Amino acid sequence: MQELKNRIVREGKVLPGNIIKVDGFLNHRVDTDLMDHIAEEFGRHFNMDEVTVILTAEASGIALSAVVARHFHKPMIFAKKAKSDNIEGGLYRSDIYSYTYKKKVTLLVSKEWLSADDNVLIIDDFTANGEAVRGLCEIVEKAGAVLLGVGCAVEKGFQGGGDRLRAAGVNLKSLAIIESAEPGNIVFREE
């Protein structure tokens, strides 16, 4: 998606440790017009009529997922990273390693909101090593639901997470795949 790539080049920052900072428009300060355009693009890649629920992980995927869900009139669920007292009944759980926080995290979704009757589209803002998406796929599997695909705005292709997910049979569509990133030089994978 050229609009997204242009914003990454113009406003993204490459920080030490292979961190690509896009928080000025994607996951801290949010450009809702851009989010709408991203939602439309996902609509070209996935059959949104089949989707019954959008799933993401707390926290930075919530904004994009909410816009996609609103755009296509679908409910949205986010996997929590901590159990709260207001979650009743059973939980689907998946343990992942967070690249962002450099620690093990447990993703939790209430069994009340995800079931074998669901056709799920996972949406996330960013994938690096693919752990969050892998964990969400595991939750979908535990629920007995159907995974229709994964839509990701930005993928760090040089970390291999997206390629591992695709090799495992996941229908992953990333709108901007970064092959390499150095300050002042971000290179995207050719489509």
Foldseek 3Di string as FASTA:
>chain_A
DVVLVVLQLVPWFQDPPRDIDPLCDQFPNHDLVVLLVLLVVVVVVFVLVQAQEEEEEPDRFVVSSVSNCVNSVHHYDYWYQDDDPPQDDDWQWFWFQDPVVRGITITIDHLVPAALVGEYEYEGAEEEQQGRVVGVVSSNVVRNHHHRAYEYAEYAVCRPNVVVCVVVVGRYDYNWYWPDDDGSDTDTDDD
